[in-house]
Amino acid sequence: MGIKPGPKPIAESTGKEDKRRRVTPENKPKHPGLKEHDHKKGNNSLLV
């Protein structure tokens, strides 16, 4: 899957492009709008 085209959202805190797309479970309360990401050991999809 390639990178999706389109404008990046603007971060409210900095006013710059927001590059975050996922959030770790422990930081989920700080960023409720982001999808949760839980990296499992030995699961590296970049090598596929």
N, C-alpha and C. Protein backbone atom coordinates (compact mmCIF):
# COMPACT_ATOMS: atom_id res chain seq x y z
N MET A 1 0.85 -1.18 0.00
CA MET A 1 0.00 0.00 0.00
C MET A 1 0.89 1.24 0.00
N GLY A 2 0.60 2.17 -0.86
CA GLY A 2 1.39 3.39 -0.95
C GLY A 2 0.90 4.47 -0.02
N ILE A 3 1.56 5.59 -0.07
CA ILE A 3 1.18 6.74 0.73
C ILE A 3 -0.06 7.38 0.11
N LYS A 4 -1.04 7.66 0.94
CA LYS A 4 -2.28 8.25 0.44
C LYS A 4 -2.08 9.73 0.13
N PRO A 5 -2.57 10.18 -1.01
CA PRO A 5 -2.45 11.59 -1.36
C PRO A 5 -3.44 12.44 -0.56
N GLY A 6 -3.20 13.72 -0.54
CA GLY A 6 -4.12 14.61 0.13
C GLY A 6 -3.43 15.46 1.17
N PRO A 7 -4.10 16.50 1.62
CA PRO A 7 -3.49 17.40 2.60
C PRO A 7 -3.36 16.75 3.97
N LYS A 8 -2.28 17.05 4.65
CA LYS A 8 -2.10 16.55 6.01
C LYS A 8 -2.85 17.48 6.97
N PRO A 9 -3.38 16.94 8.06
CA PRO A 9 -4.05 17.80 9.04
C PRO A 9 -3.04 18.72 9.73
N ILE A 10 -3.52 19.85 10.19
CA ILE A 10 -2.67 20.81 10.90
C ILE A 10 -2.81 20.56 12.41
N ALA A 11 -1.69 20.42 13.09
CA ALA A 11 -1.70 20.18 14.54
C ALA A 11 -2.14 21.45 15.26
N GLU A 12 -3.10 21.30 16.17
CA GLU A 12 -3.61 22.46 16.92
C GLU A 12 -2.53 23.05 17.83
N SER A 13 -1.66 22.18 18.37
CA SER A 13 -0.66 22.64 19.33
C SER A 13 0.46 23.46 18.69
N THR A 14 0.88 23.08 17.47
CA THR A 14 2.03 23.76 16.85
C THR A 14 1.66 24.59 15.64
N GLY A 15 0.54 24.29 15.00
CA GLY A 15 0.15 24.99 13.79
C GLY A 15 0.86 24.45 12.55
N LYS A 16 1.67 23.40 12.73
CA LYS A 16 2.39 22.78 11.60
C LYS A 16 1.67 21.50 11.19
N GLU A 17 2.12 20.89 10.09
CA GLU A 17 1.53 19.63 9.65
C GLU A 17 1.68 18.57 10.73
N ASP A 18 0.59 17.86 10.99
CA ASP A 18 0.60 16.79 11.99
C ASP A 18 0.95 15.49 11.30
N LYS A 19 2.08 14.89 11.67
CA LYS A 19 2.53 13.67 11.02
C LYS A 19 2.08 12.42 11.77
N ARG A 20 1.50 12.59 12.95
CA ARG A 20 1.06 11.43 13.72
C ARG A 20 -0.18 10.80 13.10
N ARG A 21 -0.22 9.48 13.06
CA ARG A 21 -1.38 8.77 12.56
C ARG A 21 -1.91 7.75 13.56
N ARG A 22 -1.02 7.28 14.45
CA ARG A 22 -1.39 6.27 15.43
C ARG A 22 -0.89 6.70 16.80
N VAL A 23 -1.43 6.09 17.84
CA VAL A 23 -1.03 6.42 19.21
C VAL A 23 -0.89 5.13 20.01
N THR A 24 0.07 5.10 20.93
CA THR A 24 0.24 3.92 21.78
C THR A 24 -0.87 3.90 22.83
N PRO A 25 -1.22 2.70 23.34
CA PRO A 25 -2.33 2.61 24.30
C PRO A 25 -2.17 3.51 25.52
N GLU A 26 -0.94 3.67 26.03
CA GLU A 26 -0.76 4.51 27.22
C GLU A 26 -0.97 5.99 26.94
N ASN A 27 -0.82 6.43 25.68
CA ASN A 27 -1.04 7.84 25.33
C ASN A 27 -2.41 8.10 24.71
N LYS A 28 -3.26 7.07 24.63
CA LYS A 28 -4.58 7.21 24.03
C LYS A 28 -5.43 8.32 24.68
N PRO A 29 -5.42 8.49 26.01
CA PRO A 29 -6.22 9.57 26.60
C PRO A 29 -5.81 10.97 26.14
N LYS A 30 -4.53 11.16 25.81
CA LYS A 30 -4.05 12.47 25.36
C LYS A 30 -4.47 12.77 23.92
N HIS A 31 -4.66 11.71 23.11
CA HIS A 31 -4.96 11.88 21.68
C HIS A 31 -6.14 10.99 21.29
N PRO A 32 -7.35 11.32 21.71
CA PRO A 32 -8.49 10.44 21.46
C PRO A 32 -8.85 10.28 19.98
N GLY A 33 -8.44 11.21 19.13
CA GLY A 33 -8.79 11.13 17.72
C GLY A 33 -7.93 10.19 16.90
N LEU A 34 -6.82 9.71 17.47
CA LEU A 34 -5.91 8.84 16.72
C LEU A 34 -6.23 7.37 16.98
N LYS A 35 -5.98 6.53 15.97
CA LYS A 35 -6.18 5.10 16.13
C LYS A 35 -5.09 4.54 17.02
N GLU A 36 -5.44 3.49 17.76
CA GLU A 36 -4.48 2.87 18.68
C GLU A 36 -3.55 1.93 17.91
N HIS A 37 -2.28 1.93 18.27
CA HIS A 37 -1.31 1.05 17.64
C HIS A 37 -0.56 0.30 18.72
N ASP A 38 -0.60 -1.03 18.65
CA ASP A 38 0.10 -1.86 19.62
C ASP A 38 1.06 -2.75 18.84
N HIS A 39 2.35 -2.42 18.86
CA HIS A 39 3.34 -3.19 18.11
C HIS A 39 3.65 -4.48 18.84
N LYS A 40 3.46 -5.59 18.13
CA LYS A 40 3.74 -6.89 18.71
C LYS A 40 5.16 -7.31 18.36
N LYS A 41 5.87 -7.84 19.33
CA LYS A 41 7.27 -8.24 19.13
C LYS A 41 7.36 -9.30 18.03
N GLY A 42 8.27 -9.09 17.08
CA GLY A 42 8.45 -10.04 16.00
C GLY A 42 7.51 -9.83 14.83
N ASN A 43 6.65 -8.82 14.90
CA ASN A 43 5.70 -8.54 13.82
C ASN A 43 6.17 -7.28 13.10
N ASN A 44 7.01 -7.45 12.10
CA ASN A 44 7.52 -6.30 11.36
C ASN A 44 7.00 -6.37 9.94
N SER A 45 5.95 -5.63 9.64
CA SER A 45 5.31 -5.67 8.32
C SER A 45 6.14 -4.99 7.25
N LEU A 46 7.20 -4.25 7.63
CA LEU A 46 8.03 -3.57 6.64
C LEU A 46 8.89 -4.56 5.86
N LEU A 47 9.11 -5.73 6.41
CA LEU A 47 9.96 -6.71 5.74
C LEU A 47 9.19 -7.61 4.80
N VAL A 48 7.91 -7.42 4.66
CA VAL A 48 7.08 -8.27 3.80
C VAL A 48 7.23 -7.88 2.36
